[in-house]
Amino acid sequence: MPQRDEILSFARVSLGSVWALEVLLLLRRTVARDWTTPSLVAELRSSPAAVDGALDRLRQAGLVVTDTGGVHRFQPIAPPLEALVADLAELYAGHPVTVINAIISPPDSSIRSFADAFRIKKD
């Protein structure tokens, strides 16, 4: 199992919101079910904007795919990502506040500096 800090960092960087976490964990728990945006909105008692934003983030992170019929599925692009999500689900089950705080807290300065190094600057 990866270190706790590694899992929390993954959650912060890849998910970005608690809604994305909830969507991810629901899709992971119910891989045999077809989920459309309206069905996710109803199940999570959320808004279409929140669910769409979460799905966009999860697709960008390589955790979720959406087929041409608008069905969303948990389908990580690599086995290590699937294992990391399993570790995240386990950590969240035992320590939900820790995971939520990691997601909503501002990134520390070293992460921000690293991300800023890749920012495109206008002349």
N, C-alpha and C. Protein backbone atom coordinates (compact mmCIF):
# COMPACT_ATOMS: atom_id res chain seq x y z
N MET A 1 0.86 -1.19 0.00
CA MET A 1 0.00 0.00 0.00
C MET A 1 0.90 1.24 0.00
N PRO A 2 0.58 2.21 -0.84
CA PRO A 2 1.36 3.46 -0.84
C PRO A 2 1.24 4.16 0.52
N GLN A 3 2.16 5.04 0.76
CA GLN A 3 2.13 5.82 1.98
C GLN A 3 0.87 6.69 2.00
N ARG A 4 0.41 6.96 3.18
CA ARG A 4 -0.79 7.78 3.38
C ARG A 4 -0.66 9.13 2.67
N ASP A 5 0.51 9.77 2.79
CA ASP A 5 0.72 11.06 2.15
C ASP A 5 0.60 10.96 0.63
N GLU A 6 1.07 9.85 0.08
CA GLU A 6 0.98 9.63 -1.37
C GLU A 6 -0.48 9.53 -1.81
N ILE A 7 -1.28 8.82 -1.04
CA ILE A 7 -2.70 8.66 -1.36
C ILE A 7 -3.41 10.01 -1.26
N LEU A 8 -3.11 10.77 -0.21
CA LEU A 8 -3.75 12.07 -0.03
C LEU A 8 -3.32 13.05 -1.12
N SER A 9 -2.07 13.00 -1.51
CA SER A 9 -1.59 13.86 -2.59
C SER A 9 -2.30 13.51 -3.90
N PHE A 10 -2.45 12.22 -4.17
CA PHE A 10 -3.18 11.77 -5.34
C PHE A 10 -4.61 12.32 -5.33
N ALA A 11 -5.27 12.24 -4.19
CA ALA A 11 -6.64 12.74 -4.07
C ALA A 11 -6.70 14.24 -4.34
N ARG A 12 -5.77 14.98 -3.76
CA ARG A 12 -5.76 16.44 -3.91
C ARG A 12 -5.54 16.83 -5.38
N VAL A 13 -4.55 16.22 -6.01
CA VAL A 13 -4.16 16.60 -7.37
C VAL A 13 -5.14 16.05 -8.41
N SER A 14 -5.55 14.82 -8.28
CA SER A 14 -6.36 14.17 -9.30
C SER A 14 -7.85 14.45 -9.18
N LEU A 15 -8.33 14.64 -7.98
CA LEU A 15 -9.77 14.81 -7.79
C LEU A 15 -10.18 16.26 -7.70
N GLY A 16 -9.55 17.00 -6.84
CA GLY A 16 -9.82 18.42 -6.75
C GLY A 16 -11.09 18.82 -6.03
N SER A 17 -12.01 17.88 -5.83
CA SER A 17 -13.24 18.22 -5.12
C SER A 17 -13.81 16.97 -4.45
N VAL A 18 -14.60 17.20 -3.43
CA VAL A 18 -15.26 16.10 -2.75
C VAL A 18 -16.30 15.46 -3.67
N TRP A 19 -16.91 16.27 -4.54
CA TRP A 19 -17.87 15.70 -5.51
C TRP A 19 -17.18 14.69 -6.42
N ALA A 20 -15.98 15.01 -6.87
CA ALA A 20 -15.24 14.07 -7.72
C ALA A 20 -14.93 12.79 -6.95
N LEU A 21 -14.59 12.92 -5.68
CA LEU A 21 -14.35 11.74 -4.85
C LEU A 21 -15.60 10.88 -4.76
N GLU A 22 -16.73 11.50 -4.49
CA GLU A 22 -17.99 10.76 -4.36
C GLU A 22 -18.38 10.08 -5.68
N VAL A 23 -18.23 10.79 -6.79
CA VAL A 23 -18.53 10.19 -8.09
C VAL A 23 -17.61 9.01 -8.35
N LEU A 24 -16.32 9.20 -8.12
CA LEU A 24 -15.34 8.15 -8.34
C LEU A 24 -15.66 6.90 -7.52
N LEU A 25 -15.92 7.07 -6.25
CA LEU A 25 -16.17 5.92 -5.39
C LEU A 25 -17.47 5.22 -5.75
N LEU A 26 -18.48 5.98 -6.14
CA LEU A 26 -19.74 5.36 -6.58
C LEU A 26 -19.53 4.54 -7.85
N LEU A 27 -18.84 5.11 -8.84
CA LEU A 27 -18.58 4.38 -10.07
C LEU A 27 -17.74 3.14 -9.81
N ARG A 28 -16.79 3.23 -8.91
CA ARG A 28 -15.94 2.09 -8.58
C ARG A 28 -16.74 0.98 -7.90
N ARG A 29 -17.64 1.35 -7.00
CA ARG A 29 -18.45 0.35 -6.28
C ARG A 29 -19.45 -0.36 -7.18
N THR A 30 -19.84 0.31 -8.26
CA THR A 30 -20.94 -0.19 -9.09
C THR A 30 -20.49 -0.35 -10.55
N VAL A 31 -19.36 -1.01 -10.76
CA VAL A 31 -18.79 -1.11 -12.11
C VAL A 31 -19.71 -1.82 -13.10
N ALA A 32 -20.62 -2.66 -12.64
CA ALA A 32 -21.51 -3.38 -13.54
C ALA A 32 -22.71 -2.54 -13.98
N ARG A 33 -22.90 -1.39 -13.37
CA ARG A 33 -24.06 -0.56 -13.68
C ARG A 33 -23.69 0.54 -14.67
N ASP A 34 -24.62 0.86 -15.56
CA ASP A 34 -24.45 1.99 -16.48
C ASP A 34 -24.94 3.25 -15.78
N TRP A 35 -24.09 4.26 -15.75
CA TRP A 35 -24.43 5.53 -15.10
C TRP A 35 -24.43 6.64 -16.14
N THR A 36 -25.53 7.35 -16.24
CA THR A 36 -25.60 8.56 -17.04
C THR A 36 -25.47 9.74 -16.09
N THR A 37 -25.27 10.90 -16.64
CA THR A 37 -25.19 12.08 -15.77
C THR A 37 -26.47 12.26 -14.95
N PRO A 38 -27.67 12.18 -15.57
CA PRO A 38 -28.88 12.33 -14.75
C PRO A 38 -29.00 11.28 -13.64
N SER A 39 -28.58 10.04 -13.91
CA SER A 39 -28.68 9.02 -12.86
C SER A 39 -27.68 9.29 -11.73
N LEU A 40 -26.50 9.82 -12.07
CA LEU A 40 -25.54 10.20 -11.03
C LEU A 40 -26.05 11.38 -10.21
N VAL A 41 -26.65 12.35 -10.88
CA VAL A 41 -27.22 13.51 -10.19
C VAL A 41 -28.27 13.05 -9.19
N ALA A 42 -29.15 12.14 -9.63
CA ALA A 42 -30.21 11.65 -8.75
C ALA A 42 -29.64 10.84 -7.58
N GLU A 43 -28.70 9.96 -7.87
CA GLU A 43 -28.13 9.10 -6.83
C GLU A 43 -27.37 9.91 -5.78
N LEU A 44 -26.60 10.89 -6.24
CA LEU A 44 -25.77 11.67 -5.33
C LEU A 44 -26.47 12.91 -4.79
N ARG A 45 -27.70 13.15 -5.27
CA ARG A 45 -28.46 14.35 -4.87
C ARG A 45 -27.61 15.60 -5.10
N SER A 46 -27.12 15.70 -6.30
CA SER A 46 -26.21 16.77 -6.66
C SER A 46 -26.83 17.60 -7.78
N SER A 47 -26.00 18.43 -8.40
CA SER A 47 -26.44 19.23 -9.54
C SER A 47 -25.72 18.72 -10.79
N PRO A 48 -26.33 18.93 -11.95
CA PRO A 48 -25.64 18.53 -13.18
C PRO A 48 -24.27 19.19 -13.33
N ALA A 49 -24.15 20.45 -12.94
CA ALA A 49 -22.87 21.15 -13.06
C ALA A 49 -21.80 20.50 -12.18
N ALA A 50 -22.15 20.14 -10.95
CA ALA A 50 -21.18 19.51 -10.05
C ALA A 50 -20.76 18.14 -10.57
N VAL A 51 -21.71 17.36 -11.05
CA VAL A 51 -21.40 16.03 -11.57
C VAL A 51 -20.59 16.13 -12.85
N ASP A 52 -20.98 17.02 -13.75
CA ASP A 52 -20.21 17.19 -14.99
C ASP A 52 -18.78 17.64 -14.71
N GLY A 53 -18.62 18.55 -13.78
CA GLY A 53 -17.27 19.01 -13.42
C GLY A 53 -16.44 17.87 -12.83
N ALA A 54 -17.07 17.07 -11.98
CA ALA A 54 -16.38 15.93 -11.39
C ALA A 54 -15.99 14.92 -12.46
N LEU A 55 -16.90 14.63 -13.36
CA LEU A 55 -16.61 13.67 -14.44
C LEU A 55 -15.49 14.17 -15.34
N ASP A 56 -15.49 15.46 -15.65
CA ASP A 56 -14.41 16.02 -16.47
C ASP A 56 -13.06 15.81 -15.79
N ARG A 57 -13.02 16.10 -14.52
CA ARG A 57 -11.77 15.95 -13.76
C ARG A 57 -11.32 14.49 -13.72
N LEU A 58 -12.28 13.59 -13.53
CA LEU A 58 -11.95 12.16 -13.45
C LEU A 58 -11.50 11.61 -14.80
N ARG A 59 -12.09 12.10 -15.88
CA ARG A 59 -11.64 11.69 -17.22
C ARG A 59 -10.22 12.19 -17.46
N GLN A 60 -9.95 13.44 -17.11
CA GLN A 60 -8.60 14.00 -17.28
C GLN A 60 -7.57 13.23 -16.48
N ALA A 61 -7.97 12.71 -15.33
CA ALA A 61 -7.06 11.96 -14.47
C ALA A 61 -6.89 10.51 -14.94
N GLY A 62 -7.64 10.11 -15.98
CA GLY A 62 -7.54 8.75 -16.49
C GLY A 62 -8.22 7.72 -15.62
N LEU A 63 -9.25 8.13 -14.90
CA LEU A 63 -9.95 7.23 -13.98
C LEU A 63 -11.31 6.79 -14.48
N VAL A 64 -11.92 7.59 -15.34
CA VAL A 64 -13.28 7.34 -15.80
C VAL A 64 -13.33 7.51 -17.31
N VAL A 65 -14.17 6.69 -17.95
CA VAL A 65 -14.42 6.85 -19.38
C VAL A 65 -15.91 7.08 -19.58
N THR A 66 -16.22 7.80 -20.66
CA THR A 66 -17.60 8.04 -21.04
C THR A 66 -17.76 7.57 -22.48
N ASP A 67 -18.70 6.67 -22.71
CA ASP A 67 -18.87 6.17 -24.07
C ASP A 67 -19.76 7.11 -24.89
N THR A 68 -19.92 6.78 -26.16
CA THR A 68 -20.68 7.66 -27.06
C THR A 68 -22.15 7.76 -26.67
N GLY A 69 -22.65 6.82 -25.88
CA GLY A 69 -24.03 6.88 -25.41
C GLY A 69 -24.21 7.68 -24.14
N GLY A 70 -23.12 8.27 -23.64
CA GLY A 70 -23.20 9.08 -22.43
C GLY A 70 -23.16 8.27 -21.15
N VAL A 71 -22.66 7.03 -21.23
CA VAL A 71 -22.55 6.18 -20.04
C VAL A 71 -21.14 6.32 -19.47
N HIS A 72 -21.08 6.57 -18.17
CA HIS A 72 -19.81 6.78 -17.47
C HIS A 72 -19.44 5.51 -16.71
N ARG A 73 -18.15 5.17 -16.77
CA ARG A 73 -17.66 3.97 -16.08
C ARG A 73 -16.31 4.24 -15.43
N PHE A 74 -16.12 3.58 -14.30
CA PHE A 74 -14.80 3.56 -13.67
C PHE A 74 -13.92 2.64 -14.51
N GLN A 75 -12.88 3.22 -15.10
CA GLN A 75 -11.98 2.45 -15.95
C GLN A 75 -10.62 3.14 -15.98
N PRO A 76 -9.81 2.92 -14.95
CA PRO A 76 -8.49 3.54 -14.90
C PRO A 76 -7.63 3.13 -16.10
N ILE A 77 -6.79 4.04 -16.55
CA ILE A 77 -5.97 3.76 -17.72
C ILE A 77 -4.80 2.83 -17.42
N ALA A 78 -4.51 2.59 -16.14
CA ALA A 78 -3.41 1.71 -15.77
C ALA A 78 -3.71 1.02 -14.44
N PRO A 79 -3.26 -0.23 -14.29
CA PRO A 79 -3.50 -0.95 -13.03
C PRO A 79 -3.01 -0.23 -11.77
N PRO A 80 -1.87 0.48 -11.82
CA PRO A 80 -1.48 1.19 -10.59
C PRO A 80 -2.50 2.24 -10.15
N LEU A 81 -3.18 2.86 -11.11
CA LEU A 81 -4.22 3.83 -10.74
C LEU A 81 -5.40 3.13 -10.08
N GLU A 82 -5.75 1.98 -10.58
CA GLU A 82 -6.84 1.22 -9.97
C GLU A 82 -6.50 0.86 -8.53
N ALA A 83 -5.26 0.44 -8.30
CA ALA A 83 -4.81 0.10 -6.95
C ALA A 83 -4.80 1.33 -6.04
N LEU A 84 -4.39 2.46 -6.58
CA LEU A 84 -4.36 3.70 -5.80
C LEU A 84 -5.77 4.13 -5.40
N VAL A 85 -6.73 3.96 -6.30
CA VAL A 85 -8.12 4.29 -5.97
C VAL A 85 -8.64 3.33 -4.90
N ALA A 86 -8.26 2.06 -4.97
CA ALA A 86 -8.66 1.10 -3.93
C ALA A 86 -8.10 1.53 -2.57
N ASP A 87 -6.84 1.96 -2.56
CA ASP A 87 -6.23 2.44 -1.32
C ASP A 87 -6.92 3.70 -0.82
N LEU A 88 -7.29 4.58 -1.74
CA LEU A 88 -8.01 5.80 -1.37
C LEU A 88 -9.37 5.45 -0.77
N ALA A 89 -10.09 4.52 -1.37
CA ALA A 89 -11.40 4.11 -0.86
C ALA A 89 -11.26 3.54 0.55
N GLU A 90 -10.22 2.76 0.78
CA GLU A 90 -9.98 2.17 2.10
C GLU A 90 -9.65 3.27 3.12
N LEU A 91 -8.81 4.21 2.74
CA LEU A 91 -8.46 5.31 3.64
C LEU A 91 -9.69 6.17 3.94
N TYR A 92 -10.48 6.45 2.92
CA TYR A 92 -11.69 7.26 3.09
C TYR A 92 -12.70 6.57 4.01
N ALA A 93 -12.81 5.25 3.89
CA ALA A 93 -13.74 4.52 4.75
C ALA A 93 -13.36 4.65 6.22
N GLY A 94 -12.08 4.66 6.50
CA GLY A 94 -11.64 4.76 7.90
C GLY A 94 -11.39 6.16 8.40
N HIS A 95 -11.06 7.06 7.48
CA HIS A 95 -10.68 8.42 7.87
C HIS A 95 -11.24 9.45 6.88
N PRO A 96 -12.56 9.55 6.80
CA PRO A 96 -13.14 10.45 5.79
C PRO A 96 -12.74 11.91 5.95
N VAL A 97 -12.64 12.40 7.16
CA VAL A 97 -12.30 13.81 7.38
C VAL A 97 -10.87 14.09 6.89
N THR A 98 -9.97 13.16 7.11
CA THR A 98 -8.59 13.32 6.65
C THR A 98 -8.54 13.46 5.13
N VAL A 99 -9.28 12.61 4.43
CA VAL A 99 -9.30 12.65 2.97
C VAL A 99 -9.96 13.94 2.48
N ILE A 100 -11.07 14.29 3.06
CA ILE A 100 -11.77 15.52 2.66
C ILE A 100 -10.89 16.74 2.89
N ASN A 101 -10.24 16.80 4.04
CA ASN A 101 -9.35 17.93 4.33
C ASN A 101 -8.21 18.01 3.33
N ALA A 102 -7.67 16.87 2.94
CA ALA A 102 -6.58 16.86 1.96
C ALA A 102 -7.05 17.40 0.62
N ILE A 103 -8.27 17.07 0.24
CA ILE A 103 -8.80 17.52 -1.05
C ILE A 103 -9.09 19.01 -1.04
N ILE A 104 -9.67 19.51 0.04
CA ILE A 104 -10.09 20.92 0.04
C ILE A 104 -9.02 21.89 0.53
N SER A 105 -7.96 21.37 1.12
CA SER A 105 -6.92 22.27 1.62
C SER A 105 -6.09 22.81 0.46
N PRO A 106 -5.61 24.03 0.59
CA PRO A 106 -4.76 24.57 -0.47
C PRO A 106 -3.47 23.77 -0.55
N PRO A 107 -2.94 23.63 -1.76
CA PRO A 107 -1.69 22.88 -1.88
C PRO A 107 -0.56 23.59 -1.15
N ASP A 108 0.39 22.79 -0.67
CA ASP A 108 1.51 23.42 0.02
C ASP A 108 2.40 24.12 -1.01
N SER A 109 3.28 24.94 -0.53
CA SER A 109 4.06 25.80 -1.41
C SER A 109 4.96 25.02 -2.36
N SER A 110 5.46 23.85 -1.96
CA SER A 110 6.32 23.07 -2.86
C SER A 110 5.54 22.52 -4.04
N ILE A 111 4.31 22.09 -3.79
CA ILE A 111 3.47 21.61 -4.89
C ILE A 111 3.10 22.78 -5.79
N ARG A 112 2.76 23.93 -5.19
CA ARG A 112 2.40 25.10 -5.98
C ARG A 112 3.58 25.55 -6.83
N SER A 113 4.78 25.55 -6.28
CA SER A 113 5.97 25.94 -7.03
C SER A 113 6.22 24.99 -8.19
N PHE A 114 6.05 23.71 -7.96
CA PHE A 114 6.23 22.73 -9.01
C PHE A 114 5.22 22.96 -10.14
N ALA A 115 3.96 23.18 -9.77
CA ALA A 115 2.91 23.42 -10.77
C ALA A 115 3.17 24.72 -11.52
N ASP A 116 3.63 25.74 -10.82
CA ASP A 116 3.91 27.03 -11.46
C ASP A 116 5.03 26.94 -12.49
N ALA A 117 5.93 26.00 -12.31
CA ALA A 117 7.04 25.83 -13.26
C ALA A 117 6.53 25.44 -14.65
N PHE A 118 5.33 24.88 -14.71
CA PHE A 118 4.78 24.44 -15.99
C PHE A 118 3.74 25.41 -16.55
N ARG A 119 3.53 26.50 -15.87
CA ARG A 119 2.56 27.48 -16.32
C ARG A 119 3.13 28.25 -17.51
N ILE A 120 2.33 28.41 -18.53
CA ILE A 120 2.76 29.15 -19.71
C ILE A 120 2.57 30.62 -19.43
N LYS A 121 3.65 31.37 -19.64
CA LYS A 121 3.61 32.80 -19.36
C LYS A 121 3.40 33.57 -20.66
N LYS A 122 2.59 34.64 -20.57
CA LYS A 122 2.40 35.52 -21.71
C LYS A 122 3.54 36.52 -21.78
N ASP A 123 3.98 36.81 -22.98
CA ASP A 123 5.05 37.80 -23.14
C ASP A 123 4.57 39.20 -22.97
